[in-house]
Amino acid sequence: MAKICAVCGKGKMSGNHVSHANNHNRRTWAPNLKRVRAVVEGSNKRITVCTRCLRSGKVERAL
């Protein structure tokens, strides 16, 4: 499964988890990706898309 959105290119981000005592530990944030059947260039294909693109209507679902 791909780790990035096929529409917007959103992928993992990294940063620090900061505790109340201000300790910094490296961590990652992963996008909410779903594998869906969508219409791509007139044909149905299975692509990996983030839920933000699905909700905003950037992807035409194949039925």
PDB file of N, CA and C in Angstrom:
ATOM      1  N   MET A   1       0.840  -1.181   0.000  1.00  0.00           N
ATOM      2  CA  MET A   1       0.000   0.000   0.000  1.00  0.00           C
ATOM      3  C   MET A   1       0.884   1.244   0.000  1.00  0.00           C
ATOM      4  N   ALA A   2       0.541   2.206  -0.829  1.00  0.00           N
ATOM      5  CA  ALA A   2       1.328   3.420  -0.923  1.00  0.00           C
ATOM      6  C   ALA A   2       1.198   4.236   0.364  1.00  0.00           C
ATOM      7  N   LYS A   3       2.210   5.000   0.664  1.00  0.00           N
ATOM      8  CA  LYS A   3       2.225   5.784   1.890  1.00  0.00           C
ATOM      9  C   LYS A   3       1.837   7.240   1.676  1.00  0.00           C
ATOM     10  N   ILE A   4       1.475   7.597   0.420  1.00  0.00           N
ATOM     11  CA  ILE A   4       1.087   8.969   0.144  1.00  0.00           C
ATOM     12  C   ILE A   4      -0.245   8.986  -0.598  1.00  0.00           C
ATOM     13  N   CYS A   5      -0.927  10.105  -0.515  1.00  0.00           N
ATOM     14  CA  CYS A   5      -2.205  10.269  -1.216  1.00  0.00           C
ATOM     15  C   CYS A   5      -1.933  10.445  -2.706  1.00  0.00           C
ATOM     16  N   ALA A   6      -2.708   9.743  -3.540  1.00  0.00           N
ATOM     17  CA  ALA A   6      -2.523   9.818  -4.986  1.00  0.00           C
ATOM     18  C   ALA A   6      -3.033  11.132  -5.558  1.00  0.00           C
ATOM     19  N   VAL A   7      -3.838  11.889  -4.810  1.00  0.00           N
ATOM     20  CA  VAL A   7      -4.412  13.125  -5.317  1.00  0.00           C
ATOM     21  C   VAL A   7      -3.599  14.339  -4.876  1.00  0.00           C
ATOM     22  N   CYS A   8      -3.399  14.489  -3.575  1.00  0.00           N
ATOM     23  CA  CYS A   8      -2.733  15.694  -3.066  1.00  0.00           C
ATOM     24  C   CYS A   8      -1.278  15.467  -2.677  1.00  0.00           C
ATOM     25  N   GLY A   9      -0.846  14.205  -2.587  1.00  0.00           N
ATOM     26  CA  GLY A   9       0.549  13.928  -2.244  1.00  0.00           C
ATOM     27  C   GLY A   9       0.860  13.983  -0.760  1.00  0.00           C
ATOM     28  N   LYS A  10      -0.177  14.032   0.056  1.00  0.00           N
ATOM     29  CA  LYS A  10       0.039  14.097   1.503  1.00  0.00           C
ATOM     30  C   LYS A  10       0.685  12.809   1.990  1.00  0.00           C
ATOM     31  N   GLY A  11       1.708  12.927   2.834  1.00  0.00           N
ATOM     32  CA  GLY A  11       2.414  11.768   3.360  1.00  0.00           C
ATOM     33  C   GLY A  11       2.710  11.942   4.834  1.00  0.00           C
ATOM     34  N   LYS A  12       3.620  11.130   5.336  1.00  0.00           N
ATOM     35  CA  LYS A  12       3.980  11.214   6.744  1.00  0.00           C
ATOM     36  C   LYS A  12       4.682  12.526   7.052  1.00  0.00           C
ATOM     37  N   MET A  13       4.416  13.059   8.242  1.00  0.00           N
ATOM     38  CA  MET A  13       5.107  14.241   8.735  1.00  0.00           C
ATOM     39  C   MET A  13       5.805  13.863  10.021  1.00  0.00           C
ATOM     40  N   SER A  14       6.893  14.530  10.320  1.00  0.00           N
ATOM     41  CA  SER A  14       7.618  14.230  11.549  1.00  0.00           C
ATOM     42  C   SER A  14       7.744  15.489  12.378  1.00  0.00           C
ATOM     43  N   GLY A  15       7.940  15.267  13.661  1.00  0.00           N
ATOM     44  CA  GLY A  15       8.080  16.382  14.582  1.00  0.00           C
ATOM     45  C   GLY A  15       8.409  15.863  15.959  1.00  0.00           C
ATOM     46  N   ASN A  16       8.105  16.649  16.963  1.00  0.00           N
ATOM     47  CA  ASN A  16       8.410  16.286  18.336  1.00  0.00           C
ATOM     48  C   ASN A  16       7.137  16.074  19.134  1.00  0.00           C
ATOM     49  N   HIS A  17       7.138  15.033  19.973  1.00  0.00           N
ATOM     50  CA  HIS A  17       6.127  14.880  21.004  1.00  0.00           C
ATOM     51  C   HIS A  17       6.689  15.581  22.228  1.00  0.00           C
ATOM     52  N   VAL A  18       5.986  16.602  22.721  1.00  0.00           N
ATOM     53  CA  VAL A  18       6.497  17.407  23.824  1.00  0.00           C
ATOM     54  C   VAL A  18       5.667  17.119  25.070  1.00  0.00           C
ATOM     55  N   SER A  19       6.313  16.638  26.105  1.00  0.00           N
ATOM     56  CA  SER A  19       5.622  16.297  27.345  1.00  0.00           C
ATOM     57  C   SER A  19       5.399  17.545  28.195  1.00  0.00           C
ATOM     58  N   HIS A  20       4.672  17.367  29.277  1.00  0.00           N
ATOM     59  CA  HIS A  20       4.417  18.476  30.202  1.00  0.00           C
ATOM     60  C   HIS A  20       5.717  18.974  30.820  1.00  0.00           C
ATOM     61  N   ALA A  21       6.691  18.079  30.967  1.00  0.00           N
ATOM     62  CA  ALA A  21       7.998  18.453  31.507  1.00  0.00           C
ATOM     63  C   ALA A  21       8.929  18.995  30.418  1.00  0.00           C
ATOM     64  N   ASN A  22       8.376  19.228  29.229  1.00  0.00           N
ATOM     65  CA  ASN A  22       9.090  19.786  28.086  1.00  0.00           C
ATOM     66  C   ASN A  22      10.176  18.853  27.554  1.00  0.00           C
ATOM     67  N   ASN A  23       9.985  17.531  27.737  1.00  0.00           N
ATOM     68  CA  ASN A  23      10.871  16.557  27.112  1.00  0.00           C
ATOM     69  C   ASN A  23      10.453  16.395  25.657  1.00  0.00           C
ATOM     70  N   HIS A  24      11.433  16.341  24.759  1.00  0.00           N
ATOM     71  CA  HIS A  24      11.162  16.222  23.327  1.00  0.00           C
ATOM     72  C   HIS A  24      11.548  14.831  22.840  1.00  0.00           C
ATOM     73  N   ASN A  25      10.596  14.143  22.215  1.00  0.00           N
ATOM     74  CA  ASN A  25      10.844  12.854  21.584  1.00  0.00           C
ATOM     75  C   ASN A  25      10.342  12.924  20.155  1.00  0.00           C
ATOM     76  N   ARG A  26      11.117  12.382  19.221  1.00  0.00           N
ATOM     77  CA  ARG A  26      10.719  12.394  17.820  1.00  0.00           C
ATOM     78  C   ARG A  26       9.521  11.464  17.594  1.00  0.00           C
ATOM     79  N   ARG A  27       8.579  11.898  16.758  1.00  0.00           N
ATOM     80  CA  ARG A  27       7.430  11.089  16.430  1.00  0.00           C
ATOM     81  C   ARG A  27       6.974  11.421  15.021  1.00  0.00           C
ATOM     82  N   THR A  28       6.070  10.599  14.482  1.00  0.00           N
ATOM     83  CA  THR A  28       5.553  10.827  13.138  1.00  0.00           C
ATOM     84  C   THR A  28       4.032  10.873  13.169  1.00  0.00           C
ATOM     85  N   TRP A  29       3.476  11.608  12.224  1.00  0.00           N
ATOM     86  CA  TRP A  29       2.039  11.661  12.012  1.00  0.00           C
ATOM     87  C   TRP A  29       1.758  11.086  10.650  1.00  0.00           C
ATOM     88  N   ALA A  30       0.851  10.145  10.562  1.00  0.00           N
ATOM     89  CA  ALA A  30       0.501   9.515   9.295  1.00  0.00           C
ATOM     90  C   ALA A  30      -0.865  10.021   8.841  1.00  0.00           C
ATOM     91  N   PRO A  31      -1.054  10.249   7.534  1.00  0.00           N
ATOM     92  CA  PRO A  31      -2.360  10.676   7.035  1.00  0.00           C
ATOM     93  C   PRO A  31      -3.357   9.523   7.082  1.00  0.00           C
ATOM     94  N   ASN A  32      -4.643   9.871   7.110  1.00  0.00           N
ATOM     95  CA  ASN A  32      -5.707   8.870   7.126  1.00  0.00           C
ATOM     96  C   ASN A  32      -5.971   8.454   5.682  1.00  0.00           C
ATOM     97  N   LEU A  33      -5.330   7.358   5.246  1.00  0.00           N
ATOM     98  CA  LEU A  33      -5.416   6.915   3.859  1.00  0.00           C
ATOM     99  C   LEU A  33      -6.392   5.763   3.716  1.00  0.00           C
ATOM    100  N   LYS A  34      -7.144   5.783   2.631  1.00  0.00           N
ATOM    101  CA  LYS A  34      -8.077   4.707   2.295  1.00  0.00           C
ATOM    102  C   LYS A  34      -7.793   4.248   0.872  1.00  0.00           C
ATOM    103  N   ARG A  35      -7.961   2.963   0.624  1.00  0.00           N
ATOM    104  CA  ARG A  35      -7.784   2.416  -0.711  1.00  0.00           C
ATOM    105  C   ARG A  35      -9.162   2.305  -1.346  1.00  0.00           C
ATOM    106  N   VAL A  36      -9.403   3.078  -2.408  1.00  0.00           N
ATOM    107  CA  VAL A  36     -10.725   3.158  -3.006  1.00  0.00           C
ATOM    108  C   VAL A  36     -10.643   2.911  -4.507  1.00  0.00           C
ATOM    109  N   ARG A  37     -11.772   2.486  -5.083  1.00  0.00           N
ATOM    110  CA  ARG A  37     -11.896   2.385  -6.535  1.00  0.00           C
ATOM    111  C   ARG A  37     -12.397   3.736  -7.027  1.00  0.00           C
ATOM    112  N   ALA A  38     -11.645   4.334  -7.948  1.00  0.00           N
ATOM    113  CA  ALA A  38     -11.992   5.654  -8.450  1.00  0.00           C
ATOM    114  C   ALA A  38     -11.850   5.685  -9.958  1.00  0.00           C
ATOM    115  N   VAL A  39     -12.501   6.670 -10.569  1.00  0.00           N
ATOM    116  CA  VAL A  39     -12.394   6.871 -12.008  1.00  0.00           C
ATOM    117  C   VAL A  39     -11.162   7.726 -12.265  1.00  0.00           C
ATOM    118  N   VAL A  40     -10.173   7.141 -12.954  1.00  0.00           N
ATOM    119  CA  VAL A  40      -8.935   7.847 -13.281  1.00  0.00           C
ATOM    120  C   VAL A  40      -8.757   7.801 -14.790  1.00  0.00           C
ATOM    121  N   GLU A  41      -8.812   8.961 -15.424  1.00  0.00           N
ATOM    122  CA  GLU A  41      -8.673   9.094 -16.879  1.00  0.00           C
ATOM    123  C   GLU A  41      -9.650   8.189 -17.632  1.00  0.00           C
ATOM    124  N   GLY A  42     -10.883   8.123 -17.145  1.00  0.00           N
ATOM    125  CA  GLY A  42     -11.934   7.378 -17.826  1.00  0.00           C
ATOM    126  C   GLY A  42     -12.033   5.905 -17.487  1.00  0.00           C
ATOM    127  N   SER A  43     -11.094   5.368 -16.727  1.00  0.00           N
ATOM    128  CA  SER A  43     -11.153   3.953 -16.357  1.00  0.00           C
ATOM    129  C   SER A  43     -11.126   3.817 -14.839  1.00  0.00           C
ATOM    130  N   ASN A  44     -11.644   2.688 -14.367  1.00  0.00           N
ATOM    131  CA  ASN A  44     -11.681   2.443 -12.931  1.00  0.00           C
ATOM    132  C   ASN A  44     -10.336   1.902 -12.464  1.00  0.00           C
ATOM    133  N   LYS A  45      -9.795   2.515 -11.424  1.00  0.00           N
ATOM    134  CA  LYS A  45      -8.527   2.072 -10.857  1.00  0.00           C
ATOM    135  C   LYS A  45      -8.625   2.115  -9.345  1.00  0.00           C
ATOM    136  N   ARG A  46      -7.800   1.320  -8.697  1.00  0.00           N
ATOM    137  CA  ARG A  46      -7.730   1.310  -7.244  1.00  0.00           C
ATOM    138  C   ARG A  46      -6.574   2.206  -6.825  1.00  0.00           C
ATOM    139  N   ILE A  47      -6.884   3.285  -6.110  1.00  0.00           N
ATOM    140  CA  ILE A  47      -5.856   4.235  -5.701  1.00  0.00           C
ATOM    141  C   ILE A  47      -5.953   4.474  -4.194  1.00  0.00           C
ATOM    142  N   THR A  48      -4.878   4.978  -3.639  1.00  0.00           N
ATOM    143  CA  THR A  48      -4.831   5.319  -2.222  1.00  0.00           C
ATOM    144  C   THR A  48      -5.046   6.818  -2.082  1.00  0.00           C
ATOM    145  N   VAL A  49      -6.076   7.185  -1.307  1.00  0.00           N
ATOM    146  CA  VAL A  49      -6.483   8.584  -1.200  1.00  0.00           C
ATOM    147  C   VAL A  49      -6.691   8.921   0.270  1.00  0.00           C
ATOM    148  N   CYS A  50      -6.335  10.146   0.656  1.00  0.00           N
ATOM    149  CA  CYS A  50      -6.601  10.573   2.025  1.00  0.00           C
ATOM    150  C   CYS A  50      -8.081  10.935   2.154  1.00  0.00           C
ATOM    151  N   THR A  51      -8.590  10.857   3.359  1.00  0.00           N
ATOM    152  CA  THR A  51     -10.015  11.103   3.589  1.00  0.00           C
ATOM    153  C   THR A  51     -10.385  12.557   3.342  1.00  0.00           C
ATOM    154  N   ARG A  52      -9.453  13.472   3.430  1.00  0.00           N
ATOM    155  CA  ARG A  52      -9.741  14.881   3.145  1.00  0.00           C
ATOM    156  C   ARG A  52     -10.096  15.060   1.669  1.00  0.00           C
ATOM    157  N   CYS A  53      -9.373  14.376   0.783  1.00  0.00           N
ATOM    158  CA  CYS A  53      -9.677  14.448  -0.653  1.00  0.00           C
ATOM    159  C   CYS A  53     -11.006  13.767  -0.962  1.00  0.00           C
ATOM    160  N   LEU A  54     -11.314  12.671  -0.264  1.00  0.00           N
ATOM    161  CA  LEU A  54     -12.591  12.000  -0.471  1.00  0.00           C
ATOM    162  C   LEU A  54     -13.749  12.897  -0.066  1.00  0.00           C
ATOM    163  N   ARG A  55     -13.644  13.544   1.089  1.00  0.00           N
ATOM    164  CA  ARG A  55     -14.727  14.376   1.596  1.00  0.00           C
ATOM    165  C   ARG A  55     -14.923  15.637   0.775  1.00  0.00           C
ATOM    166  N   SER A  56     -13.831  16.181   0.225  1.00  0.00           N
ATOM    167  CA  SER A  56     -13.940  17.433  -0.517  1.00  0.00           C
ATOM    168  C   SER A  56     -14.382  17.244  -1.954  1.00  0.00           C
ATOM    169  N   GLY A  57     -14.503  15.970  -2.396  1.00  0.00           N
ATOM    170  CA  GLY A  57     -15.001  15.698  -3.738  1.00  0.00           C
ATOM    171  C   GLY A  57     -13.946  15.748  -4.814  1.00  0.00           C
ATOM    172  N   LYS A  58     -12.677  15.659  -4.455  1.00  0.00           N
ATOM    173  CA  LYS A  58     -11.606  15.677  -5.447  1.00  0.00           C
ATOM    174  C   LYS A  58     -11.479  14.336  -6.162  1.00  0.00           C
ATOM    175  N   VAL A  59     -12.161  13.302  -5.650  1.00  0.00           N
ATOM    176  CA  VAL A  59     -12.078  11.958  -6.221  1.00  0.00           C
ATOM    177  C   VAL A  59     -13.470  11.535  -6.664  1.00  0.00           C
ATOM    178  N   GLU A  60     -13.569  11.039  -7.899  1.00  0.00           N
ATOM    179  CA  GLU A  60     -14.852  10.507  -8.383  1.00  0.00           C
ATOM    180  C   GLU A  60     -14.842   9.005  -8.147  1.00  0.00           C
ATOM    181  N   ARG A  61     -15.711   8.538  -7.262  1.00  0.00           N
ATOM    182  CA  ARG A  61     -15.759   7.115  -6.907  1.00  0.00           C
ATOM    183  C   ARG A  61     -16.345   6.303  -8.051  1.00  0.00           C
ATOM    184  N   ALA A  62     -15.834   5.094  -8.239  1.00  0.00           N
ATOM    185  CA  ALA A  62     -16.361   4.171  -9.231  1.00  0.00           C
ATOM    186  C   ALA A  62     -17.373   3.262  -8.556  1.00  0.00           C
ATOM    187  N   LEU A  63     -18.516   3.111  -9.175  1.00  0.00           N
ATOM    188  CA  LEU A  63     -19.552   2.263  -8.571  1.00  0.00           C
ATOM    189  C   LEU A  63     -19.717   0.968  -9.309  1.00  0.00           C
TER     190      LEU A  63
END
